Amino acid sequence: MRIRILVLVTFLILISSASSSVTLRQGEAYETSGKQVIVTNIKADVIVINVDGVKNIINVGEQKEVNGIDILLESTFYVDEPTERTASIAMSVAFYCGDNNCDTDQNETKENCCKDCGCNPGYACSDSKCKSESQIQQEEQEEEEASMDKCETDADCDDNDEYTEDICKSIPGKPKKCWNIPPICKTDVECDDQNPCTVDKCVNNDCFSSEVPDYDDCLKKQEPTGEQEIVPESEKHSEETIKPVGASVEKEKNIFSRIISFLFGWLR
């Protein structure tokens, strides 16, 4: 009898040490056995759980193995405010990933533990997932670029260009990153608004336009008068037509074609 009691107590101790029960809020992360567990969504009597990138749906009272972790959903607390929702779950290790032994009898596969079970040809194990070489290179490049853009203050974003505005700013849900904003202008010429009645200036890399004195009179002077250009008699038979003063002029022909046109009109 004593032996049976001892065995039962030992079994209960092993069970309690192998599993853990936690209460997590929606979006909260918890690490167990080297894996990150996140309750991404909580509804009444059901949750969506993510274990190192592998998602599954679990109902209250149901137990599932998700990416090597046995998860039992004990209860949920559901309210309208997402940040106040909680889920109580019990977790235990279904198998140990990382011992270089692919335990197929414990449902260990290359999908849930590529560290032990390897990957198909042309793929490599990265972040506990089988990925192609091009995907790994792309992720590494993105991580490198992201690390270069990380910042804490505007001074961290100095690109050694006196004309750019260097700002350290974050987007909601994203870490702070550098923004090097190019200038609107560098010289007054770049601010020309094609209005002869304004004075255009580049000040602190931004364009400003101000009206000249007697602005209204200046505008009136720019209005078309309806007069016609006087065309020499020798060019009346050329391809050029009479245009109103101020109208746009077509691109001049080259000297050779103008001479041919002139001679052709004169011979006629």
C-alpha atoms as a PDB file:
ATOM      1  CA  MET A   1       0.000   0.000   0.000  1.00  0.00           C
ATOM      2  CA  ARG A   2       2.785   2.399   0.930  1.00  0.00           C
ATOM      3  CA  ILE A   3       4.569   1.670  -2.377  1.00  0.00           C
ATOM      4  CA  ARG A   4       1.410   2.495  -4.338  1.00  0.00           C
ATOM      5  CA  ILE A   5       0.972   5.778  -2.457  1.00  0.00           C
ATOM      6  CA  LEU A   6       4.648   6.661  -3.068  1.00  0.00           C
ATOM      7  CA  VAL A   7       4.301   5.943  -6.794  1.00  0.00           C
ATOM      8  CA  LEU A   8       1.134   8.048  -6.976  1.00  0.00           C
ATOM      9  CA  VAL A   9       2.759  10.986  -5.186  1.00  0.00           C
ATOM     10  CA  THR A  10       5.823  10.748  -7.442  1.00  0.00           C
ATOM     11  CA  PHE A  11       3.573  10.718 -10.520  1.00  0.00           C
ATOM     12  CA  LEU A  12       1.684  13.806  -9.313  1.00  0.00           C
ATOM     13  CA  ILE A  13       4.954  15.638  -8.676  1.00  0.00           C
ATOM     14  CA  LEU A  14       6.179  14.818 -12.194  1.00  0.00           C
ATOM     15  CA  ILE A  15       2.905  15.977 -13.706  1.00  0.00           C
ATOM     16  CA  SER A  16       2.932  19.253 -11.798  1.00  0.00           C
ATOM     17  CA  SER A  17       6.562  19.938 -12.701  1.00  0.00           C
ATOM     18  CA  ALA A  18       6.022  19.095 -16.371  1.00  0.00           C
ATOM     19  CA  SER A  19       3.026  21.401 -16.807  1.00  0.00           C
ATOM     20  CA  SER A  20       2.314  24.999 -15.893  1.00  0.00           C
ATOM     21  CA  SER A  21      -0.899  26.966 -15.652  1.00  0.00           C
ATOM     22  CA  VAL A  22      -0.992  30.673 -16.457  1.00  0.00           C
ATOM     23  CA  THR A  23      -3.548  33.391 -17.091  1.00  0.00           C
ATOM     24  CA  LEU A  24      -2.732  35.579 -20.081  1.00  0.00           C
ATOM     25  CA  ARG A  25      -4.321  38.719 -21.454  1.00  0.00           C
ATOM     26  CA  GLN A  26      -5.136  39.001 -25.144  1.00  0.00           C
ATOM     27  CA  GLY A  27      -1.893  39.738 -27.002  1.00  0.00           C
ATOM     28  CA  GLU A  28       0.290  38.828 -24.010  1.00  0.00           C
ATOM     29  CA  ALA A  29       3.282  36.543 -24.600  1.00  0.00           C
ATOM     30  CA  TYR A  30       4.602  33.755 -22.364  1.00  0.00           C
ATOM     31  CA  GLU A  31       7.768  31.711 -22.871  1.00  0.00           C
ATOM     32  CA  THR A  32       7.957  28.034 -22.020  1.00  0.00           C
ATOM     33  CA  SER A  33      10.523  25.428 -23.028  1.00  0.00           C
ATOM     34  CA  GLY A  34      12.223  27.965 -25.277  1.00  0.00           C
ATOM     35  CA  LYS A  35       9.044  28.742 -27.227  1.00  0.00           C
ATOM     36  CA  GLN A  36       6.918  31.863 -27.230  1.00  0.00           C
ATOM     37  CA  VAL A  37       3.201  31.371 -26.621  1.00  0.00           C
ATOM     38  CA  ILE A  38       0.831  34.244 -27.475  1.00  0.00           C
ATOM     39  CA  VAL A  39      -2.944  34.340 -27.038  1.00  0.00           C
ATOM     40  CA  THR A  40      -3.723  36.413 -30.127  1.00  0.00           C
ATOM     41  CA  ASN A  41      -7.505  36.467 -29.710  1.00  0.00           C
ATOM     42  CA  ILE A  42      -9.978  35.637 -26.955  1.00  0.00           C
ATOM     43  CA  LYS A  43     -13.686  35.041 -27.480  1.00  0.00           C
ATOM     44  CA  ALA A  44     -16.335  33.510 -25.256  1.00  0.00           C
ATOM     45  CA  ASP A  45     -15.221  29.898 -24.649  1.00  0.00           C
ATOM     46  CA  VAL A  46     -12.590  29.892 -27.422  1.00  0.00           C
ATOM     47  CA  ILE A  47      -9.114  31.310 -28.103  1.00  0.00           C
ATOM     48  CA  VAL A  48      -6.649  31.644 -30.961  1.00  0.00           C
ATOM     49  CA  ILE A  49      -3.159  30.733 -29.804  1.00  0.00           C
ATOM     50  CA  ASN A  50       0.229  31.141 -31.471  1.00  0.00           C
ATOM     51  CA  VAL A  51       3.245  29.029 -30.539  1.00  0.00           C
ATOM     52  CA  ASP A  52       6.386  30.246 -32.333  1.00  0.00           C
ATOM     53  CA  GLY A  53       4.394  31.160 -35.435  1.00  0.00           C
ATOM     54  CA  VAL A  54       2.102  28.097 -35.461  1.00  0.00           C
ATOM     55  CA  LYS A  55      -1.544  29.039 -34.826  1.00  0.00           C
ATOM     56  CA  ASN A  56      -4.489  26.974 -33.625  1.00  0.00           C
ATOM     57  CA  ILE A  57      -7.997  27.388 -32.213  1.00  0.00           C
ATOM     58  CA  ILE A  58      -8.812  25.820 -28.833  1.00  0.00           C
ATOM     59  CA  ASN A  59     -12.170  25.610 -27.053  1.00  0.00           C
ATOM     60  CA  VAL A  60     -12.672  25.656 -23.272  1.00  0.00           C
ATOM     61  CA  GLY A  61     -11.969  22.184 -21.847  1.00  0.00           C
ATOM     62  CA  GLU A  62     -10.109  21.122 -25.003  1.00  0.00           C
ATOM     63  CA  GLN A  63      -6.442  20.126 -25.131  1.00  0.00           C
ATOM     64  CA  LYS A  64      -4.323  20.370 -28.284  1.00  0.00           C
ATOM     65  CA  GLU A  65      -0.675  19.948 -29.202  1.00  0.00           C
ATOM     66  CA  VAL A  66       0.530  23.137 -30.880  1.00  0.00           C
ATOM     67  CA  ASN A  67       4.091  23.203 -32.190  1.00  0.00           C
ATOM     68  CA  GLY A  68       5.367  20.809 -29.514  1.00  0.00           C
ATOM     69  CA  ILE A  69       3.409  22.302 -26.606  1.00  0.00           C
ATOM     70  CA  ASP A  70       0.330  20.576 -25.146  1.00  0.00           C
ATOM     71  CA  ILE A  71      -2.182  23.312 -24.330  1.00  0.00           C
ATOM     72  CA  LEU A  72      -5.366  22.923 -22.291  1.00  0.00           C
ATOM     73  CA  LEU A  73      -7.792  25.859 -22.260  1.00  0.00           C
ATOM     74  CA  GLU A  74      -9.234  25.917 -18.747  1.00  0.00           C
ATOM     75  CA  SER A  75     -11.393  29.063 -18.896  1.00  0.00           C
ATOM     76  CA  THR A  76     -11.813  32.473 -20.525  1.00  0.00           C
ATOM     77  CA  PHE A  77     -12.903  35.885 -19.309  1.00  0.00           C
ATOM     78  CA  TYR A  78     -14.527  37.835 -22.153  1.00  0.00           C
ATOM     79  CA  VAL A  79     -15.487  41.536 -22.139  1.00  0.00           C
ATOM     80  CA  ASP A  80     -15.883  44.177 -24.853  1.00  0.00           C
ATOM     81  CA  GLU A  81     -12.511  45.779 -24.113  1.00  0.00           C
ATOM     82  CA  PRO A  82      -9.858  43.527 -25.779  1.00  0.00           C
ATOM     83  CA  THR A  83      -7.094  44.473 -23.323  1.00  0.00           C
ATOM     84  CA  GLU A  84      -9.193  43.229 -20.395  1.00  0.00           C
ATOM     85  CA  ARG A  85      -9.868  39.759 -21.825  1.00  0.00           C
ATOM     86  CA  THR A  86      -7.992  36.834 -20.249  1.00  0.00           C
ATOM     87  CA  ALA A  87      -7.537  33.111 -20.782  1.00  0.00           C
ATOM     88  CA  SER A  88      -6.366  30.525 -18.260  1.00  0.00           C
ATOM     89  CA  ILE A  89      -4.342  27.785 -19.933  1.00  0.00           C
ATOM     90  CA  ALA A  90      -2.296  24.801 -18.784  1.00  0.00           C
ATOM     91  CA  MET A  91       0.826  24.003 -20.807  1.00  0.00           C
ATOM     92  CA  SER A  92       3.217  21.081 -20.909  1.00  0.00           C
ATOM     93  CA  VAL A  93       5.946  19.975 -23.288  1.00  0.00           C
ATOM     94  CA  ALA A  94       4.729  17.422 -25.823  1.00  0.00           C
ATOM     95  CA  PHE A  95       8.293  16.732 -26.914  1.00  0.00           C
ATOM     96  CA  TYR A  96      11.669  18.370 -26.492  1.00  0.00           C
ATOM     97  CA  CYS A  97      12.832  20.210 -29.607  1.00  0.00           C
ATOM     98  CA  GLY A  98      16.573  20.646 -29.839  1.00  0.00           C
ATOM     99  CA  ASP A  99      17.981  17.310 -28.683  1.00  0.00           C
ATOM    100  CA  ASN A 100      18.933  16.289 -32.259  1.00  0.00           C
ATOM    101  CA  ASN A 101      16.493  13.390 -32.014  1.00  0.00           C
ATOM    102  CA  CYS A 102      13.374  13.427 -34.213  1.00  0.00           C
ATOM    103  CA  ASP A 103      10.779  11.797 -31.934  1.00  0.00           C
ATOM    104  CA  THR A 104       8.193  10.786 -34.532  1.00  0.00           C
ATOM    105  CA  ASP A 105       6.394   8.660 -31.950  1.00  0.00           C
ATOM    106  CA  GLN A 106       5.677  11.937 -30.101  1.00  0.00           C
ATOM    107  CA  ASN A 107       4.478  13.676 -33.282  1.00  0.00           C
ATOM    108  CA  GLU A 108       7.724  15.574 -33.727  1.00  0.00           C
ATOM    109  CA  THR A 109       8.114  16.587 -37.401  1.00  0.00           C
ATOM    110  CA  LYS A 110      10.137  18.960 -39.557  1.00  0.00           C
ATOM    111  CA  GLU A 111       7.125  21.311 -39.509  1.00  0.00           C
ATOM    112  CA  ASN A 112       7.131  21.718 -35.701  1.00  0.00           C
ATOM    113  CA  CYS A 113      10.820  20.985 -35.006  1.00  0.00           C
ATOM    114  CA  CYS A 114      13.157  21.336 -37.943  1.00  0.00           C
ATOM    115  CA  LYS A 115      16.046  21.535 -35.471  1.00  0.00           C
ATOM    116  CA  ASP A 116      15.672  17.801 -34.863  1.00  0.00           C
ATOM    117  CA  CYS A 117      13.924  16.542 -38.000  1.00  0.00           C
ATOM    118  CA  GLY A 118      15.659  18.711 -40.606  1.00  0.00           C
ATOM    119  CA  CYS A 119      14.135  20.150 -43.794  1.00  0.00           C
ATOM    120  CA  ASN A 120      13.511  19.110 -47.387  1.00  0.00           C
ATOM    121  CA  PRO A 121      16.316  19.629 -49.952  1.00  0.00           C
ATOM    122  CA  GLY A 122      16.742  23.305 -50.823  1.00  0.00           C
ATOM    123  CA  TYR A 123      15.496  24.445 -47.423  1.00  0.00           C
ATOM    124  CA  ALA A 124      17.239  25.244 -44.156  1.00  0.00           C
ATOM    125  CA  CYS A 125      16.059  25.478 -40.547  1.00  0.00           C
ATOM    126  CA  SER A 126      15.824  29.119 -39.437  1.00  0.00           C
ATOM    127  CA  ASP A 127      13.886  30.387 -36.403  1.00  0.00           C
ATOM    128  CA  SER A 128      12.443  26.873 -35.940  1.00  0.00           C
ATOM    129  CA  LYS A 129      10.986  26.912 -39.468  1.00  0.00           C
ATOM    130  CA  CYS A 130      12.043  25.426 -42.799  1.00  0.00           C
ATOM    131  CA  LYS A 131      12.798  28.261 -45.195  1.00  0.00           C
ATOM    132  CA  SER A 132      14.319  28.573 -48.651  1.00  0.00           C
ATOM    133  CA  GLU A 133      17.772  30.117 -48.992  1.00  0.00           C
ATOM    134  CA  SER A 134      16.330  33.159 -50.797  1.00  0.00           C
ATOM    135  CA  GLN A 135      13.785  33.695 -48.008  1.00  0.00           C
ATOM    136  CA  ILE A 136      16.496  33.508 -45.356  1.00  0.00           C
ATOM    137  CA  GLN A 137      18.693  35.992 -47.255  1.00  0.00           C
ATOM    138  CA  GLN A 138      15.768  38.372 -47.695  1.00  0.00           C
ATOM    139  CA  GLU A 139      14.886  38.226 -43.983  1.00  0.00           C
ATOM    140  CA  GLU A 140      18.523  38.793 -43.012  1.00  0.00           C
ATOM    141  CA  GLN A 141      18.700  41.805 -45.338  1.00  0.00           C
ATOM    142  CA  GLU A 142      15.471  43.222 -43.924  1.00  0.00           C
ATOM    143  CA  GLU A 143      16.730  42.742 -40.363  1.00  0.00           C
ATOM    144  CA  GLU A 144      20.013  44.469 -41.241  1.00  0.00           C
ATOM    145  CA  GLU A 145      18.200  47.403 -42.847  1.00  0.00           C
ATOM    146  CA  ALA A 146      15.797  47.618 -39.905  1.00  0.00           C
ATOM    147  CA  SER A 147      18.682  47.653 -37.404  1.00  0.00           C
ATOM    148  CA  MET A 148      20.388  50.444 -39.360  1.00  0.00           C
ATOM    149  CA  ASP A 149      17.203  52.545 -39.253  1.00  0.00           C
ATOM    150  CA  LYS A 150      16.623  52.056 -35.516  1.00  0.00           C
ATOM    151  CA  CYS A 151      17.074  55.162 -33.400  1.00  0.00           C
ATOM    152  CA  GLU A 152      16.326  56.816 -30.083  1.00  0.00           C
ATOM    153  CA  THR A 153      16.880  60.500 -30.898  1.00  0.00           C
ATOM    154  CA  ASP A 154      17.081  62.667 -34.026  1.00  0.00           C
ATOM    155  CA  ALA A 155      20.865  62.770 -33.637  1.00  0.00           C
ATOM    156  CA  ASP A 156      21.006  59.029 -34.371  1.00  0.00           C
ATOM    157  CA  CYS A 157      19.586  59.732 -37.849  1.00  0.00           C
ATOM    158  CA  ASP A 158      22.244  62.161 -39.101  1.00  0.00           C
ATOM    159  CA  ASP A 159      23.002  61.200 -42.726  1.00  0.00           C
ATOM    160  CA  ASN A 160      25.703  63.883 -43.130  1.00  0.00           C
ATOM    161  CA  ASP A 161      23.524  65.744 -45.638  1.00  0.00           C
ATOM    162  CA  GLU A 162      23.001  69.348 -44.532  1.00  0.00           C
ATOM    163  CA  TYR A 163      19.881  69.680 -46.664  1.00  0.00           C
ATOM    164  CA  THR A 164      17.856  66.766 -45.286  1.00  0.00           C
ATOM    165  CA  GLU A 165      15.710  66.944 -42.170  1.00  0.00           C
ATOM    166  CA  ASP A 166      16.697  64.012 -39.945  1.00  0.00           C
ATOM    167  CA  ILE A 167      13.899  62.752 -37.682  1.00  0.00           C
ATOM    168  CA  CYS A 168      13.605  59.777 -35.321  1.00  0.00           C
ATOM    169  CA  LYS A 169       9.938  58.827 -35.319  1.00  0.00           C
ATOM    170  CA  SER A 170       7.770  55.775 -34.736  1.00  0.00           C
ATOM    171  CA  ILE A 171       4.670  54.514 -36.530  1.00  0.00           C
ATOM    172  CA  PRO A 172       1.915  53.029 -34.317  1.00  0.00           C
ATOM    173  CA  GLY A 173       2.792  49.403 -33.632  1.00  0.00           C
ATOM    174  CA  LYS A 174       6.344  49.790 -34.962  1.00  0.00           C
ATOM    175  CA  PRO A 175       9.659  50.694 -33.281  1.00  0.00           C
ATOM    176  CA  LYS A 176      11.293  54.067 -33.831  1.00  0.00           C
ATOM    177  CA  LYS A 177      13.134  54.482 -37.125  1.00  0.00           C
ATOM    178  CA  CYS A 178      15.020  57.185 -39.002  1.00  0.00           C
ATOM    179  CA  TRP A 179      13.383  59.423 -41.570  1.00  0.00           C
ATOM    180  CA  ASN A 180      15.653  61.540 -43.775  1.00  0.00           C
ATOM    181  CA  ILE A 181      13.312  64.010 -45.441  1.00  0.00           C
ATOM    182  CA  PRO A 182      14.714  65.706 -48.562  1.00  0.00           C
ATOM    183  CA  PRO A 183      14.380  69.501 -48.872  1.00  0.00           C
ATOM    184  CA  ILE A 184      11.699  71.186 -50.974  1.00  0.00           C
ATOM    185  CA  CYS A 185      14.335  73.456 -52.444  1.00  0.00           C
ATOM    186  CA  LYS A 186      17.996  74.440 -52.276  1.00  0.00           C
ATOM    187  CA  THR A 187      17.995  77.561 -54.464  1.00  0.00           C
ATOM    188  CA  ASP A 188      15.518  80.318 -55.412  1.00  0.00           C
ATOM    189  CA  VAL A 189      15.383  78.975 -58.975  1.00  0.00           C
ATOM    190  CA  GLU A 190      13.721  75.776 -57.758  1.00  0.00           C
ATOM    191  CA  CYS A 191      10.857  77.870 -56.346  1.00  0.00           C
ATOM    192  CA  ASP A 192       9.967  79.595 -59.599  1.00  0.00           C
ATOM    193  CA  ASP A 193       6.149  79.447 -59.930  1.00  0.00           C
ATOM    194  CA  GLN A 194       6.181  80.839 -63.497  1.00  0.00           C
ATOM    195  CA  ASN A 195       4.392  83.959 -62.300  1.00  0.00           C
ATOM    196  CA  PRO A 196       6.362  87.121 -63.204  1.00  0.00           C
ATOM    197  CA  CYS A 197       4.379  89.069 -60.637  1.00  0.00           C
ATOM    198  CA  THR A 198       5.741  87.197 -57.622  1.00  0.00           C
ATOM    199  CA  VAL A 199       9.140  87.076 -55.951  1.00  0.00           C
ATOM    200  CA  ASP A 200      10.089  83.458 -55.254  1.00  0.00           C
ATOM    201  CA  LYS A 201      12.599  82.659 -52.509  1.00  0.00           C
ATOM    202  CA  CYS A 202      14.026  79.486 -50.977  1.00  0.00           C
ATOM    203  CA  VAL A 203      14.230  80.013 -47.210  1.00  0.00           C
ATOM    204  CA  ASN A 204      15.341  77.216 -44.896  1.00  0.00           C
ATOM    205  CA  ASN A 205      14.842  74.725 -47.749  1.00  0.00           C
ATOM    206  CA  ASP A 206      11.214  75.761 -48.187  1.00  0.00           C
ATOM    207  CA  CYS A 207       9.634  77.850 -50.962  1.00  0.00           C
ATOM    208  CA  PHE A 208       7.967  81.201 -50.277  1.00  0.00           C
ATOM    209  CA  SER A 209       6.360  83.519 -52.813  1.00  0.00           C
ATOM    210  CA  SER A 210       5.426  87.165 -52.265  1.00  0.00           C
ATOM    211  CA  GLU A 211       3.606  89.590 -54.538  1.00  0.00           C
ATOM    212  CA  VAL A 212       5.526  92.396 -56.230  1.00  0.00           C
ATOM    213  CA  PRO A 213       4.475  96.025 -55.636  1.00  0.00           C
ATOM    214  CA  ASP A 214       1.478  96.999 -57.815  1.00  0.00           C
ATOM    215  CA  TYR A 215       0.631  93.324 -58.178  1.00  0.00           C
ATOM    216  CA  ASP A 216      -2.707  93.959 -59.923  1.00  0.00           C
ATOM    217  CA  ASP A 217      -1.119  96.247 -62.490  1.00  0.00           C
ATOM    218  CA  CYS A 218       1.547  93.627 -63.110  1.00  0.00           C
ATOM    219  CA  LEU A 219      -1.104  91.011 -63.830  1.00  0.00           C
ATOM    220  CA  LYS A 220      -2.887  93.286 -66.277  1.00  0.00           C
ATOM    221  CA  LYS A 221       0.319  93.751 -68.213  1.00  0.00           C
ATOM    222  CA  GLN A 222       0.548  89.985 -68.631  1.00  0.00           C
ATOM    223  CA  GLU A 223      -2.884  89.745 -70.269  1.00  0.00           C
ATOM    224  CA  PRO A 224      -2.878  89.032 -74.057  1.00  0.00           C
ATOM    225  CA  THR A 225      -3.471  92.182 -76.141  1.00  0.00           C
ATOM    226  CA  GLY A 226      -4.817  90.381 -79.213  1.00  0.00           C
ATOM    227  CA  GLU A 227      -2.185  92.000 -81.442  1.00  0.00           C
ATOM    228  CA  GLN A 228      -0.531  89.924 -84.150  1.00  0.00           C
ATOM    229  CA  GLU A 229       3.096  89.430 -84.910  1.00  0.00           C
ATOM    230  CA  ILE A 230       4.318  91.046 -88.125  1.00  0.00           C
ATOM    231  CA  VAL A 231       5.739  88.375 -90.407  1.00  0.00           C
ATOM    232  CA  PRO A 232       8.199  89.327 -93.206  1.00  0.00           C
ATOM    233  CA  GLU A 233       6.803  89.057 -96.730  1.00  0.00           C
ATOM    234  CA  SER A 234       9.353  86.376 -97.598  1.00  0.00           C
ATOM    235  CA  GLU A 235       7.965  84.063 -94.885  1.00  0.00           C
ATOM    236  CA  LYS A 236       4.267  84.368 -95.714  1.00  0.00           C
ATOM    237  CA  HIS A 237       4.380  81.170 -97.785  1.00  0.00           C
ATOM    238  CA  SER A 238       6.435  79.211 -95.249  1.00  0.00           C
ATOM    239  CA  GLU A 239       4.940  76.598 -92.959  1.00  0.00           C
ATOM    240  CA  GLU A 240       4.902  79.043 -90.049  1.00  0.00           C
ATOM    241  CA  THR A 241       1.566  80.716 -89.320  1.00  0.00           C
ATOM    242  CA  ILE A 242       0.776  84.105 -87.785  1.00  0.00           C
ATOM    243  CA  LYS A 243       0.334  83.812 -84.048  1.00  0.00           C
ATOM    244  CA  PRO A 244      -1.060  86.247 -81.436  1.00  0.00           C
ATOM    245  CA  VAL A 245       1.498  88.124 -79.338  1.00  0.00           C
ATOM    246  CA  GLY A 246       2.290  86.125 -76.219  1.00  0.00           C
ATOM    247  CA  ALA A 247       1.178  82.801 -77.703  1.00  0.00           C
ATOM    248  CA  SER A 248       3.602  79.897 -77.500  1.00  0.00           C
ATOM    249  CA  VAL A 249       5.973  79.616 -80.487  1.00  0.00           C
ATOM    250  CA  GLU A 250       6.646  76.272 -82.117  1.00  0.00           C
ATOM    251  CA  LYS A 251      10.154  74.924 -82.028  1.00  0.00           C
ATOM    252  CA  GLU A 252      12.288  76.619 -84.714  1.00  0.00           C
ATOM    253  CA  LYS A 253      13.216  74.552 -87.716  1.00  0.00           C
ATOM    254  CA  ASN A 254      16.817  73.968 -88.490  1.00  0.00           C
ATOM    255  CA  ILE A 255      18.517  76.431 -90.875  1.00  0.00           C
ATOM    256  CA  PHE A 256      18.544  74.030 -93.819  1.00  0.00           C
ATOM    257  CA  SER A 257      14.772  73.412 -93.837  1.00  0.00           C
ATOM    258  CA  ARG A 258      14.074  77.149 -93.470  1.00  0.00           C
ATOM    259  CA  ILE A 259      16.170  77.926 -96.584  1.00  0.00           C
ATOM    260  CA  ILE A 260      14.363  75.232 -98.606  1.00  0.00           C
ATOM    261  CA  SER A 261      10.958  76.601 -97.538  1.00  0.00           C
ATOM    262  CA  PHE A 262      12.008  80.151 -98.439  1.00  0.00           C
ATOM    263  CA  LEU A 263      13.240  79.159-101.916  1.00  0.00           C
ATOM    264  CA  PHE A 264      10.107  77.090-102.576  1.00  0.00           C
ATOM    265  CA  GLY A 265       7.829  80.050-101.727  1.00  0.00           C
ATOM    266  CA  TRP A 266       9.937  82.491-103.814  1.00  0.00           C
ATOM    267  CA  LEU A 267       9.880  80.235-106.929  1.00  0.00           C
ATOM    268  CA  ARG A 268       6.122  79.992-106.771  1.00  0.00           C
END
